């Protein structure tokens, strides 16, 4: 990823800009951090060998610039309503919804998700990982400061619904991961309803599971489902680890990915959010259905091996890292349960 010093510089600026947003004590400071974050990520996206990255970076820039302008407008309107600038009256609820909408547009949550799958399709796997995980930290932190429960309940249901239904007819793995990310965003915001520790724990586990799958895809250089089916037969364990990590990301009970969903469901039920829980669980089962459909086809059916597959030599270090991460993803919940019982 870091082929020159400029990439490393922009990556460090990307990290520091998120820290600026998280540690800022004013909305204007947070807005400045988000702008630095945007201008740091665009040079990381661009790859001269791939023309699709130029299109993806332009789409990303336009949507993020729109979100930033709406956010700044909403901040100014909110300040005016508190009589800090002038005597104009502006409803505080409207400004809160506008701020939340701008931040949701930055994260790619439904119904502001129109740009997210298209941008994901044009990027490399490592940039996809940054976009799915690190780039969500700053907007989500700001959303937690001005949480509007009624508006966010609609966003949760829409995110889970669109993330589930839109992934059904996809063959591109990048788009499947994009719609999976939108689905998980719904769960993340639902965790935010409870408390800060809950959504942070969910985000960490989701980032770990995404990292496991994307490291595998990046090592194998596969971008479509049919490539995943005919993986090198010399490594059947690698194929097993990849698809069980998929099931873990979907939240199938024996795997680690079930634990954050379990905790969120338990918390929502204890706070009498029954309708929200039922909607989220039923719609997330659709996501699990298309994960199971992919995994069943890969495990049960006999696919032909292409000749170039036999000529690929994987780096032993990368292979061991991927296998270790997959092992934690598969058996993590059992380990946590045993540790809890011992304590």
C-alpha atoms as a PDB file:
ATOM      1  CA  UNK A   1       0.000   0.000   0.000  1.00  0.00           C
ATOM      2  CA  UNK A   2       2.771   2.467   0.924  1.00  0.00           C
ATOM      3  CA  UNK A   3       4.742   2.519  -2.331  1.00  0.00           C
ATOM      4  CA  UNK A   4       6.052   6.019  -1.667  1.00  0.00           C
ATOM      5  CA  UNK A   5       6.514   8.396   1.260  1.00  0.00           C
ATOM      6  CA  UNK A   6       3.499  10.523   0.213  1.00  0.00           C
ATOM      7  CA  UNK A   7       1.134   7.589   0.853  1.00  0.00           C
ATOM      8  CA  UNK A   8       2.605   7.143   4.339  1.00  0.00           C
ATOM      9  CA  UNK A   9       2.261  10.876   5.024  1.00  0.00           C
ATOM     10  CA  UNK A  10      -1.406  10.908   3.992  1.00  0.00           C
ATOM     11  CA  UNK A  11      -2.080   7.760   6.027  1.00  0.00           C
ATOM     12  CA  UNK A  12      -0.630   9.389   9.165  1.00  0.00           C
ATOM     13  CA  UNK A  13      -2.692  12.527   8.445  1.00  0.00           C
ATOM     14  CA  UNK A  14      -5.775  10.313   8.083  1.00  0.00           C
ATOM     15  CA  UNK A  15      -5.202   8.830  11.548  1.00  0.00           C
ATOM     16  CA  UNK A  16      -4.461  12.210  13.166  1.00  0.00           C
ATOM     17  CA  UNK A  17      -7.564  13.820  11.577  1.00  0.00           C
ATOM     18  CA  UNK A  18      -9.797  11.202  13.219  1.00  0.00           C
ATOM     19  CA  UNK A  19      -8.079  11.943  16.529  1.00  0.00           C
ATOM     20  CA  UNK A  20      -8.797  15.658  16.000  1.00  0.00           C
ATOM     21  CA  UNK A  21     -12.519  14.902  15.528  1.00  0.00           C
ATOM     22  CA  UNK A  22     -12.707  12.591  18.558  1.00  0.00           C
ATOM     23  CA  UNK A  23     -10.861  15.012  20.864  1.00  0.00           C
ATOM     24  CA  UNK A  24     -12.476  18.224  19.586  1.00  0.00           C
ATOM     25  CA  UNK A  25     -14.539  20.245  22.075  1.00  0.00           C
ATOM     26  CA  UNK A  26     -16.430  22.270  19.441  1.00  0.00           C
ATOM     27  CA  UNK A  27     -18.475  21.460  16.324  1.00  0.00           C
ATOM     28  CA  UNK A  28     -16.265  23.698  14.201  1.00  0.00           C
ATOM     29  CA  UNK A  29     -13.154  21.809  15.309  1.00  0.00           C
ATOM     30  CA  UNK A  30     -14.879  18.512  14.487  1.00  0.00           C
ATOM     31  CA  UNK A  31     -15.821  19.842  11.039  1.00  0.00           C
ATOM     32  CA  UNK A  32     -12.180  20.847  10.378  1.00  0.00           C
ATOM     33  CA  UNK A  33     -11.062  17.335  11.396  1.00  0.00           C
ATOM     34  CA  UNK A  34     -13.589  15.766   8.992  1.00  0.00           C
ATOM     35  CA  UNK A  35     -12.304  17.966   6.143  1.00  0.00           C
ATOM     36  CA  UNK A  36      -8.684  16.969   6.826  1.00  0.00           C
ATOM     37  CA  UNK A  37      -9.844  13.347   6.919  1.00  0.00           C
ATOM     38  CA  UNK A  38     -11.502  13.697   3.496  1.00  0.00           C
ATOM     39  CA  UNK A  39      -8.471  15.352   1.887  1.00  0.00           C
ATOM     40  CA  UNK A  40      -6.142  12.723   3.400  1.00  0.00           C
ATOM     41  CA  UNK A  41      -8.086   9.705   2.148  1.00  0.00           C
ATOM     42  CA  UNK A  42      -8.482  10.790  -1.492  1.00  0.00           C
ATOM     43  CA  UNK A  43      -4.713  10.512  -2.335  1.00  0.00           C
ATOM     44  CA  UNK A  44      -4.711   7.040  -0.723  1.00  0.00           C
ATOM     45  CA  UNK A  45      -7.605   5.973  -2.970  1.00  0.00           C
ATOM     46  CA  UNK A  46      -5.979   6.938  -6.270  1.00  0.00           C
ATOM     47  CA  UNK A  47      -3.964   4.287  -8.094  1.00  0.00           C
ATOM     48  CA  UNK A  48      -2.475   5.195 -11.485  1.00  0.00           C
ATOM     49  CA  UNK A  49      -2.706   1.562 -12.664  1.00  0.00           C
ATOM     50  CA  UNK A  50      -6.465   1.408 -12.085  1.00  0.00           C
ATOM     51  CA  UNK A  51      -8.757   3.931 -13.782  1.00  0.00           C
ATOM     52  CA  UNK A  52     -11.718   2.920 -11.603  1.00  0.00           C
ATOM     53  CA  UNK A  53     -10.043   4.514  -8.563  1.00  0.00           C
ATOM     54  CA  UNK A  54     -10.271   7.963 -10.183  1.00  0.00           C
ATOM     55  CA  UNK A  55     -14.018   7.594 -10.638  1.00  0.00           C
ATOM     56  CA  UNK A  56     -14.426   6.229  -7.102  1.00  0.00           C
ATOM     57  CA  UNK A  57     -12.385   9.057  -5.565  1.00  0.00           C
ATOM     58  CA  UNK A  58     -14.431  11.683  -7.450  1.00  0.00           C
ATOM     59  CA  UNK A  59     -17.720  10.131  -6.222  1.00  0.00           C
ATOM     60  CA  UNK A  60     -16.325   9.983  -2.703  1.00  0.00           C
ATOM     61  CA  UNK A  61     -15.162  13.604  -2.802  1.00  0.00           C
ATOM     62  CA  UNK A  62     -18.498  14.954  -4.107  1.00  0.00           C
ATOM     63  CA  UNK A  63     -20.642  13.118  -1.540  1.00  0.00           C
ATOM     64  CA  UNK A  64     -18.327  13.939   1.372  1.00  0.00           C
ATOM     65  CA  UNK A  65     -18.124  17.604   0.315  1.00  0.00           C
ATOM     66  CA  UNK A  66     -21.944  17.717   0.173  1.00  0.00           C
ATOM     67  CA  UNK A  67     -22.165  16.152   3.633  1.00  0.00           C
ATOM     68  CA  UNK A  68     -19.583  18.594   5.019  1.00  0.00           C
ATOM     69  CA  UNK A  69     -21.451  21.619   3.633  1.00  0.00           C
ATOM     70  CA  UNK A  70     -24.767  20.370   5.115  1.00  0.00           C
ATOM     71  CA  UNK A  71     -23.026  19.738   8.442  1.00  0.00           C
ATOM     72  CA  UNK A  72     -21.514  23.235   8.532  1.00  0.00           C
ATOM     73  CA  UNK A  73     -24.884  24.776   7.623  1.00  0.00           C
ATOM     74  CA  UNK A  74     -26.624  22.767  10.366  1.00  0.00           C
ATOM     75  CA  UNK A  75     -23.965  23.767  12.930  1.00  0.00           C
ATOM     76  CA  UNK A  76     -24.431  27.446  12.081  1.00  0.00           C
ATOM     77  CA  UNK A  77     -28.206  27.126  12.274  1.00  0.00           C
ATOM     78  CA  UNK A  78     -27.908  25.392  15.653  1.00  0.00           C
ATOM     79  CA  UNK A  79     -25.666  28.193  16.956  1.00  0.00           C
ATOM     80  CA  UNK A  80     -28.148  30.791  15.699  1.00  0.00           C
ATOM     81  CA  UNK A  81     -30.993  29.026  17.502  1.00  0.00           C
ATOM     82  CA  UNK A  82     -29.031  29.337  20.752  1.00  0.00           C
ATOM     83  CA  UNK A  83     -28.611  33.087  20.095  1.00  0.00           C
ATOM     84  CA  UNK A  84     -24.831  32.821  19.912  1.00  0.00           C
ATOM     85  CA  UNK A  85     -24.625  34.629  16.570  1.00  0.00           C
ATOM     86  CA  UNK A  86     -27.902  36.508  16.038  1.00  0.00           C
ATOM     87  CA  UNK A  87     -31.513  36.697  17.138  1.00  0.00           C
ATOM     88  CA  UNK A  88     -32.938  34.362  14.447  1.00  0.00           C
ATOM     89  CA  UNK A  89     -35.060  31.479  15.713  1.00  0.00           C
ATOM     90  CA  UNK A  90     -34.414  27.985  14.398  1.00  0.00           C
ATOM     91  CA  UNK A  91     -35.957  24.780  15.710  1.00  0.00           C
ATOM     92  CA  UNK A  92     -33.330  22.719  17.587  1.00  0.00           C
ATOM     93  CA  UNK A  93     -34.929  19.436  16.413  1.00  0.00           C
ATOM     94  CA  UNK A  94     -34.439  20.374  12.753  1.00  0.00           C
ATOM     95  CA  UNK A  95     -30.782  21.222  13.295  1.00  0.00           C
ATOM     96  CA  UNK A  96     -30.249  17.921  15.140  1.00  0.00           C
ATOM     97  CA  UNK A  97     -31.818  15.941  12.260  1.00  0.00           C
ATOM     98  CA  UNK A  98     -29.716  17.878   9.726  1.00  0.00           C
ATOM     99  CA  UNK A  99     -26.494  17.198  11.653  1.00  0.00           C
ATOM    100  CA  UNK A 100     -27.389  13.508  11.975  1.00  0.00           C
ATOM    101  CA  UNK A 101     -28.278  13.297   8.267  1.00  0.00           C
ATOM    102  CA  UNK A 102     -24.967  14.856   7.209  1.00  0.00           C
ATOM    103  CA  UNK A 103     -22.998  12.477   9.442  1.00  0.00           C
ATOM    104  CA  UNK A 104     -24.996   9.462   8.226  1.00  0.00           C
ATOM    105  CA  UNK A 105     -24.217  10.515   4.644  1.00  0.00           C
ATOM    106  CA  UNK A 106     -20.529  10.470   5.597  1.00  0.00           C
ATOM    107  CA  UNK A 107     -20.770   6.939   7.013  1.00  0.00           C
ATOM    108  CA  UNK A 108     -22.884   5.583   4.128  1.00  0.00           C
ATOM    109  CA  UNK A 109     -25.862   4.475   6.239  1.00  0.00           C
ATOM    110  CA  UNK A 110     -29.268   4.049   4.586  1.00  0.00           C
ATOM    111  CA  UNK A 111     -31.115   5.995   3.201  1.00  0.00           C
ATOM    112  CA  UNK A 112     -27.918   7.961   2.386  1.00  0.00           C
ATOM    113  CA  UNK A 113     -26.059   4.890   1.087  1.00  0.00           C
ATOM    114  CA  UNK A 114     -26.262   5.610  -2.684  1.00  0.00           C
ATOM    115  CA  UNK A 115     -22.516   6.346  -3.042  1.00  0.00           C
ATOM    116  CA  UNK A 116     -21.078   3.628  -0.805  1.00  0.00           C
ATOM    117  CA  UNK A 117     -21.276   0.424  -2.966  1.00  0.00           C
ATOM    118  CA  UNK A 118     -20.123   2.321  -6.081  1.00  0.00           C
ATOM    119  CA  UNK A 119     -17.065   3.720  -4.320  1.00  0.00           C
ATOM    120  CA  UNK A 120     -16.253   0.310  -2.782  1.00  0.00           C
ATOM    121  CA  UNK A 121     -16.379  -1.320  -6.229  1.00  0.00           C
ATOM    122  CA  UNK A 122     -13.625   0.953  -7.553  1.00  0.00           C
ATOM    123  CA  UNK A 123     -11.097   0.570  -4.714  1.00  0.00           C
ATOM    124  CA  UNK A 124      -8.464  -1.975  -3.690  1.00  0.00           C
ATOM    125  CA  UNK A 125      -9.161  -4.304  -0.762  1.00  0.00           C
ATOM    126  CA  UNK A 126      -6.943  -2.375   1.676  1.00  0.00           C
ATOM    127  CA  UNK A 127      -8.674   0.920   0.853  1.00  0.00           C
ATOM    128  CA  UNK A 128     -12.019  -0.852   1.234  1.00  0.00           C
ATOM    129  CA  UNK A 129     -10.967  -1.929   4.729  1.00  0.00           C
ATOM    130  CA  UNK A 130     -10.122   1.677   5.668  1.00  0.00           C
ATOM    131  CA  UNK A 131     -13.427   2.918   4.213  1.00  0.00           C
ATOM    132  CA  UNK A 132     -15.459   0.255   6.057  1.00  0.00           C
ATOM    133  CA  UNK A 133     -13.795   0.658   9.454  1.00  0.00           C
ATOM    134  CA  UNK A 134     -11.550   3.658  10.201  1.00  0.00           C
ATOM    135  CA  UNK A 135     -13.537   6.185   8.146  1.00  0.00           C
ATOM    136  CA  UNK A 136     -16.658   5.455  10.215  1.00  0.00           C
ATOM    137  CA  UNK A 137     -15.124   6.264  13.611  1.00  0.00           C
ATOM    138  CA  UNK A 138     -15.285  10.080  13.425  1.00  0.00           C
ATOM    139  CA  UNK A 139     -18.892  10.406  12.107  1.00  0.00           C
ATOM    140  CA  UNK A 140     -20.182   7.761  14.531  1.00  0.00           C
ATOM    141  CA  UNK A 141     -18.564   9.544  17.488  1.00  0.00           C
ATOM    142  CA  UNK A 142     -20.247  12.800  16.435  1.00  0.00           C
ATOM    143  CA  UNK A 143     -23.613  11.024  15.960  1.00  0.00           C
ATOM    144  CA  UNK A 144     -23.383   9.730  19.535  1.00  0.00           C
ATOM    145  CA  UNK A 145     -23.160  13.351  20.775  1.00  0.00           C
ATOM    146  CA  UNK A 146     -26.479  14.457  19.232  1.00  0.00           C
ATOM    147  CA  UNK A 147     -28.527  11.275  19.068  1.00  0.00           C
ATOM    148  CA  UNK A 148     -32.140  11.726  17.895  1.00  0.00           C
ATOM    149  CA  UNK A 149     -33.959   8.514  18.909  1.00  0.00           C
ATOM    150  CA  UNK A 150     -37.043   8.757  16.652  1.00  0.00           C
ATOM    151  CA  UNK A 151     -35.035   9.633  13.532  1.00  0.00           C
ATOM    152  CA  UNK A 152     -32.359   7.028  14.292  1.00  0.00           C
ATOM    153  CA  UNK A 153     -34.932   4.247  14.762  1.00  0.00           C
ATOM    154  CA  UNK A 154     -36.040   4.781  11.144  1.00  0.00           C
ATOM    155  CA  UNK A 155     -32.391   4.824   9.995  1.00  0.00           C
ATOM    156  CA  UNK A 156     -31.683   1.554  11.860  1.00  0.00           C
ATOM    157  CA  UNK A 157     -34.575  -0.297  10.175  1.00  0.00           C
ATOM    158  CA  UNK A 158     -33.734   1.143   6.717  1.00  0.00           C
ATOM    159  CA  UNK A 159     -30.027   0.298   7.042  1.00  0.00           C
ATOM    160  CA  UNK A 160     -30.703  -3.301   8.080  1.00  0.00           C
ATOM    161  CA  UNK A 161     -33.366  -3.689   5.366  1.00  0.00           C
ATOM    162  CA  UNK A 162     -31.356  -2.209   2.481  1.00  0.00           C
ATOM    163  CA  UNK A 163     -28.144  -3.923   3.587  1.00  0.00           C
ATOM    164  CA  UNK A 164     -29.962  -7.274   3.565  1.00  0.00           C
ATOM    165  CA  UNK A 165     -32.147  -7.044   0.455  1.00  0.00           C
ATOM    166  CA  UNK A 166     -29.635  -5.295  -1.827  1.00  0.00           C
ATOM    167  CA  UNK A 167     -26.972  -7.942  -1.229  1.00  0.00           C
ATOM    168  CA  UNK A 168     -29.157 -10.784  -2.526  1.00  0.00           C
ATOM    169  CA  UNK A 169     -28.432 -10.383  -6.250  1.00  0.00           C
ATOM    170  CA  UNK A 170     -24.744  -9.335  -6.058  1.00  0.00           C
ATOM    171  CA  UNK A 171     -21.866 -11.300  -7.563  1.00  0.00           C
ATOM    172  CA  UNK A 172     -19.116  -8.798  -6.731  1.00  0.00           C
ATOM    173  CA  UNK A 173     -17.500  -9.507  -3.364  1.00  0.00           C
ATOM    174  CA  UNK A 174     -16.758  -5.812  -2.862  1.00  0.00           C
ATOM    175  CA  UNK A 175     -20.438  -4.918  -3.227  1.00  0.00           C
ATOM    176  CA  UNK A 176     -21.426  -7.782  -0.917  1.00  0.00           C
ATOM    177  CA  UNK A 177     -19.031  -6.397   1.699  1.00  0.00           C
ATOM    178  CA  UNK A 178     -20.447  -2.880   1.115  1.00  0.00           C
ATOM    179  CA  UNK A 179     -24.047  -3.958   1.731  1.00  0.00           C
ATOM    180  CA  UNK A 180     -22.888  -6.043   4.688  1.00  0.00           C
ATOM    181  CA  UNK A 181     -21.292  -2.868   6.082  1.00  0.00           C
ATOM    182  CA  UNK A 182     -24.586  -0.956   5.667  1.00  0.00           C
ATOM    183  CA  UNK A 183     -26.387  -3.783   7.501  1.00  0.00           C
ATOM    184  CA  UNK A 184     -23.872  -3.689  10.364  1.00  0.00           C
ATOM    185  CA  UNK A 185     -24.196   0.101  10.543  1.00  0.00           C
ATOM    186  CA  UNK A 186     -27.843  -0.428  11.485  1.00  0.00           C
ATOM    187  CA  UNK A 187     -26.753  -2.687  14.345  1.00  0.00           C
ATOM    188  CA  UNK A 188     -24.036  -0.202  15.352  1.00  0.00           C
ATOM    189  CA  UNK A 189     -26.541   2.639  15.643  1.00  0.00           C
ATOM    190  CA  UNK A 190     -28.882   0.324  17.585  1.00  0.00           C
ATOM    191  CA  UNK A 191     -25.999  -0.404  19.975  1.00  0.00           C
ATOM    192  CA  UNK A 192     -25.574   3.372  20.296  1.00  0.00           C
ATOM    193  CA  UNK A 193     -29.142   3.512  21.647  1.00  0.00           C
ATOM    194  CA  UNK A 194     -27.921   1.601  24.689  1.00  0.00           C
ATOM    195  CA  UNK A 195     -24.571   3.107  25.694  1.00  0.00           C
ATOM    196  CA  UNK A 196     -21.180   4.136  24.350  1.00  0.00           C
ATOM    197  CA  UNK A 197     -19.362   0.966  25.454  1.00  0.00           C
ATOM    198  CA  UNK A 198     -21.846  -1.226  23.583  1.00  0.00           C
ATOM    199  CA  UNK A 199     -21.387   0.394  20.159  1.00  0.00           C
ATOM    200  CA  UNK A 200     -17.620   0.661  20.621  1.00  0.00           C
ATOM    201  CA  UNK A 201     -17.389  -3.061  21.428  1.00  0.00           C
ATOM    202  CA  UNK A 202     -19.595  -3.890  18.412  1.00  0.00           C
ATOM    203  CA  UNK A 203     -17.445  -1.692  16.167  1.00  0.00           C
ATOM    204  CA  UNK A 204     -14.191  -3.327  17.335  1.00  0.00           C
ATOM    205  CA  UNK A 205     -15.502  -6.850  16.692  1.00  0.00           C
ATOM    206  CA  UNK A 206     -16.983  -5.860  13.320  1.00  0.00           C
ATOM    207  CA  UNK A 207     -13.632  -4.289  12.328  1.00  0.00           C
ATOM    208  CA  UNK A 208     -11.802  -7.464  13.353  1.00  0.00           C
ATOM    209  CA  UNK A 209     -14.117  -9.721  11.306  1.00  0.00           C
ATOM    210  CA  UNK A 210     -13.930  -7.411   8.265  1.00  0.00           C
ATOM    211  CA  UNK A 211     -10.146  -7.335   8.555  1.00  0.00           C
ATOM    212  CA  UNK A 212     -10.002 -11.156   8.634  1.00  0.00           C
ATOM    213  CA  UNK A 213     -12.064 -11.522   5.441  1.00  0.00           C
ATOM    214  CA  UNK A 214     -10.440  -8.651   3.541  1.00  0.00           C
ATOM    215  CA  UNK A 215      -6.898  -9.834   4.349  1.00  0.00           C
ATOM    216  CA  UNK A 216      -7.868 -13.194   2.844  1.00  0.00           C
ATOM    217  CA  UNK A 217      -9.397 -11.623  -0.274  1.00  0.00           C
ATOM    218  CA  UNK A 218      -6.353  -9.383  -0.689  1.00  0.00           C
ATOM    219  CA  UNK A 219      -3.919 -12.276  -0.357  1.00  0.00           C
ATOM    220  CA  UNK A 220      -5.830 -14.389  -2.891  1.00  0.00           C
ATOM    221  CA  UNK A 221      -6.652 -11.367  -5.123  1.00  0.00           C
ATOM    222  CA  UNK A 222     -10.264 -12.412  -5.647  1.00  0.00           C
ATOM    223  CA  UNK A 223     -13.040  -9.925  -6.388  1.00  0.00           C
ATOM    224  CA  UNK A 224     -16.011 -12.050  -7.530  1.00  0.00           C
ATOM    225  CA  UNK A 225     -17.894 -15.042  -6.127  1.00  0.00           C
ATOM    226  CA  UNK A 226     -16.932 -17.443  -8.935  1.00  0.00           C
ATOM    227  CA  UNK A 227     -13.230 -16.827  -8.165  1.00  0.00           C
ATOM    228  CA  UNK A 228     -13.845 -17.747  -4.525  1.00  0.00           C
ATOM    229  CA  UNK A 229     -15.428 -21.089  -5.511  1.00  0.00           C
ATOM    230  CA  UNK A 230     -12.408 -22.353  -7.440  1.00  0.00           C
ATOM    231  CA  UNK A 231      -9.720 -21.589  -4.895  1.00  0.00           C
ATOM    232  CA  UNK A 232      -6.456 -23.490  -4.944  1.00  0.00           C
ATOM    233  CA  UNK A 233      -7.165 -27.079  -3.888  1.00  0.00           C
ATOM    234  CA  UNK A 234      -3.755 -27.346  -2.130  1.00  0.00           C
ATOM    235  CA  UNK A 235      -5.200 -25.175   0.655  1.00  0.00           C
ATOM    236  CA  UNK A 236      -8.637 -26.586   1.498  1.00  0.00           C
ATOM    237  CA  UNK A 237      -8.252 -25.296   5.070  1.00  0.00           C
ATOM    238  CA  UNK A 238      -7.878 -21.742   3.719  1.00  0.00           C
ATOM    239  CA  UNK A 239     -11.150 -22.105   1.827  1.00  0.00           C
ATOM    240  CA  UNK A 240     -12.828 -23.414   4.986  1.00  0.00           C
ATOM    241  CA  UNK A 241     -11.495 -20.503   7.076  1.00  0.00           C
ATOM    242  CA  UNK A 242     -12.617 -17.903   4.507  1.00  0.00           C
ATOM    243  CA  UNK A 243     -16.217 -19.085   4.317  1.00  0.00           C
ATOM    244  CA  UNK A 244     -16.616 -19.737   8.054  1.00  0.00           C
ATOM    245  CA  UNK A 245     -15.386 -16.146   8.596  1.00  0.00           C
ATOM    246  CA  UNK A 246     -18.195 -15.108   6.218  1.00  0.00           C
ATOM    247  CA  UNK A 247     -20.683 -16.919   8.450  1.00  0.00           C
ATOM    248  CA  UNK A 248     -19.130 -15.271  11.502  1.00  0.00           C
ATOM    249  CA  UNK A 249     -19.605 -11.840   9.898  1.00  0.00           C
ATOM    250  CA  UNK A 250     -23.246 -12.761   9.251  1.00  0.00           C
ATOM    251  CA  UNK A 251     -23.712 -13.544  12.957  1.00  0.00           C
ATOM    252  CA  UNK A 252     -24.228 -17.319  12.968  1.00  0.00           C
ATOM    253  CA  UNK A 253     -24.351 -18.450  16.632  1.00  0.00           C
ATOM    254  CA  UNK A 254     -21.281 -20.675  17.171  1.00  0.00           C
ATOM    255  CA  UNK A 255     -18.915 -17.996  15.826  1.00  0.00           C
ATOM    256  CA  UNK A 256     -17.506 -14.763  17.266  1.00  0.00           C
ATOM    257  CA  UNK A 257     -19.717 -12.534  15.082  1.00  0.00           C
ATOM    258  CA  UNK A 258     -22.787 -13.680  17.031  1.00  0.00           C
ATOM    259  CA  UNK A 259     -21.538 -12.211  20.329  1.00  0.00           C
ATOM    260  CA  UNK A 260     -22.031  -8.448  19.587  1.00  0.00           C
ATOM    261  CA  UNK A 261     -25.472  -9.138  18.045  1.00  0.00           C
ATOM    262  CA  UNK A 262     -26.377 -11.218  21.086  1.00  0.00           C
ATOM    263  CA  UNK A 263     -25.445  -8.385  23.471  1.00  0.00           C
ATOM    264  CA  UNK A 264     -27.307  -5.767  21.407  1.00  0.00           C
ATOM    265  CA  UNK A 265     -30.454  -7.952  21.257  1.00  0.00           C
ATOM    266  CA  UNK A 266     -30.298  -8.562  25.010  1.00  0.00           C
ATOM    267  CA  UNK A 267     -29.912  -4.829  25.743  1.00  0.00           C
ATOM    268  CA  UNK A 268     -32.724  -3.795  23.381  1.00  0.00           C
ATOM    269  CA  UNK A 269     -35.102  -6.400  24.813  1.00  0.00           C
ATOM    270  CA  UNK A 270     -34.324  -5.272  28.378  1.00  0.00           C
ATOM    271  CA  UNK A 271     -35.215  -1.688  27.358  1.00  0.00           C
ATOM    272  CA  UNK A 272     -38.527  -2.847  25.750  1.00  0.00           C
ATOM    273  CA  UNK A 273     -37.524  -2.118  22.138  1.00  0.00           C
ATOM    274  CA  UNK A 274     -39.270  -5.318  20.983  1.00  0.00           C
ATOM    275  CA  UNK A 275     -40.470  -4.116  17.569  1.00  0.00           C
ATOM    276  CA  UNK A 276     -36.981  -2.871  16.658  1.00  0.00           C
ATOM    277  CA  UNK A 277     -35.368  -6.172  17.716  1.00  0.00           C
ATOM    278  CA  UNK A 278     -37.843  -8.290  15.715  1.00  0.00           C
ATOM    279  CA  UNK A 279     -37.336  -6.168  12.575  1.00  0.00           C
ATOM    280  CA  UNK A 280     -33.535  -6.262  12.890  1.00  0.00           C
ATOM    281  CA  UNK A 281     -33.326 -10.013  13.511  1.00  0.00           C
ATOM    282  CA  UNK A 282     -35.739 -10.928  10.689  1.00  0.00           C
ATOM    283  CA  UNK A 283     -33.980  -8.708   8.152  1.00  0.00           C
ATOM    284  CA  UNK A 284     -30.492  -9.818   9.225  1.00  0.00           C
ATOM    285  CA  UNK A 285     -31.535 -13.432   8.581  1.00  0.00           C
ATOM    286  CA  UNK A 286     -31.717 -12.462   4.885  1.00  0.00           C
ATOM    287  CA  UNK A 287     -28.036 -11.430   5.042  1.00  0.00           C
ATOM    288  CA  UNK A 288     -27.219 -14.753   6.649  1.00  0.00           C
ATOM    289  CA  UNK A 289     -29.201 -16.497   3.901  1.00  0.00           C
ATOM    290  CA  UNK A 290     -27.048 -15.166   1.068  1.00  0.00           C
ATOM    291  CA  UNK A 291     -23.858 -15.836   3.063  1.00  0.00           C
ATOM    292  CA  UNK A 292     -25.029 -19.416   3.589  1.00  0.00           C
ATOM    293  CA  UNK A 293     -25.912 -19.701  -0.102  1.00  0.00           C
ATOM    294  CA  UNK A 294     -22.350 -18.723  -1.078  1.00  0.00           C
ATOM    295  CA  UNK A 295     -20.756 -20.990   1.557  1.00  0.00           C
ATOM    296  CA  UNK A 296     -22.966 -23.985   0.731  1.00  0.00           C
ATOM    297  CA  UNK A 297     -22.069 -23.717  -2.966  1.00  0.00           C
ATOM    298  CA  UNK A 298     -18.358 -23.431  -2.195  1.00  0.00           C
ATOM    299  CA  UNK A 299     -18.296 -26.339   0.278  1.00  0.00           C
ATOM    300  CA  UNK A 300     -20.644 -28.836  -1.374  1.00  0.00           C
ATOM    301  CA  UNK A 301     -20.206 -28.434  -5.120  1.00  0.00           C
ATOM    302  CA  UNK A 302     -17.166 -29.574  -7.099  1.00  0.00           C
ATOM    303  CA  UNK A 303     -15.697 -26.715  -9.123  1.00  0.00           C
ATOM    304  CA  UNK A 304     -13.064 -26.990 -11.830  1.00  0.00           C
ATOM    305  CA  UNK A 305      -9.535 -25.815 -11.087  1.00  0.00           C
ATOM    306  CA  UNK A 306      -7.942 -23.285 -13.424  1.00  0.00           C
ATOM    307  CA  UNK A 307      -4.308 -23.809 -14.413  1.00  0.00           C
ATOM    308  CA  UNK A 308      -3.151 -20.406 -13.156  1.00  0.00           C
ATOM    309  CA  UNK A 309      -4.396 -21.375  -9.696  1.00  0.00           C
ATOM    310  CA  UNK A 310      -1.670 -24.004  -9.418  1.00  0.00           C
ATOM    311  CA  UNK A 311       1.026 -21.460 -10.287  1.00  0.00           C
ATOM    312  CA  UNK A 312       0.107 -19.105  -7.438  1.00  0.00           C
ATOM    313  CA  UNK A 313       2.450 -19.164  -4.458  1.00  0.00           C
ATOM    314  CA  UNK A 314       1.171 -17.494  -1.315  1.00  0.00           C
ATOM    315  CA  UNK A 315       3.464 -15.801   1.169  1.00  0.00           C
ATOM    316  CA  UNK A 316       3.782 -18.045   4.238  1.00  0.00           C
ATOM    317  CA  UNK A 317       3.634 -15.061   6.607  1.00  0.00           C
ATOM    318  CA  UNK A 318       0.404 -13.753   5.041  1.00  0.00           C
ATOM    319  CA  UNK A 319      -1.045 -17.260   5.098  1.00  0.00           C
ATOM    320  CA  UNK A 320      -0.265 -17.741   8.802  1.00  0.00           C
ATOM    321  CA  UNK A 321      -1.706 -14.302   9.713  1.00  0.00           C
ATOM    322  CA  UNK A 322      -4.935 -15.027   7.803  1.00  0.00           C
ATOM    323  CA  UNK A 323      -5.273 -18.489   9.363  1.00  0.00           C
ATOM    324  CA  UNK A 324      -4.696 -17.092  12.882  1.00  0.00           C
ATOM    325  CA  UNK A 325      -7.314 -14.352  12.420  1.00  0.00           C
ATOM    326  CA  UNK A 326      -9.785 -16.875  10.974  1.00  0.00           C
ATOM    327  CA  UNK A 327      -9.168 -19.239  13.905  1.00  0.00           C
ATOM    328  CA  UNK A 328     -10.009 -16.416  16.379  1.00  0.00           C
ATOM    329  CA  UNK A 329     -13.093 -15.521  14.323  1.00  0.00           C
ATOM    330  CA  UNK A 330     -14.355 -19.122  14.348  1.00  0.00           C
ATOM    331  CA  UNK A 331     -13.570 -20.122  17.947  1.00  0.00           C
ATOM    332  CA  UNK A 332     -13.601 -16.707  19.651  1.00  0.00           C
ATOM    333  CA  UNK A 333     -17.097 -17.037  21.123  1.00  0.00           C
ATOM    334  CA  UNK A 334     -16.265 -20.428  22.656  1.00  0.00           C
ATOM    335  CA  UNK A 335     -13.105 -18.943  24.189  1.00  0.00           C
ATOM    336  CA  UNK A 336     -14.966 -15.958  25.620  1.00  0.00           C
ATOM    337  CA  UNK A 337     -17.700 -18.226  27.032  1.00  0.00           C
ATOM    338  CA  UNK A 338     -15.158 -20.518  28.709  1.00  0.00           C
ATOM    339  CA  UNK A 339     -13.261 -17.518  30.127  1.00  0.00           C
ATOM    340  CA  UNK A 340     -16.533 -16.092  31.517  1.00  0.00           C
ATOM    341  CA  UNK A 341     -17.429 -19.455  33.133  1.00  0.00           C
ATOM    342  CA  UNK A 342     -13.962 -19.748  34.720  1.00  0.00           C
ATOM    343  CA  UNK A 343     -14.235 -16.227  36.201  1.00  0.00           C
END
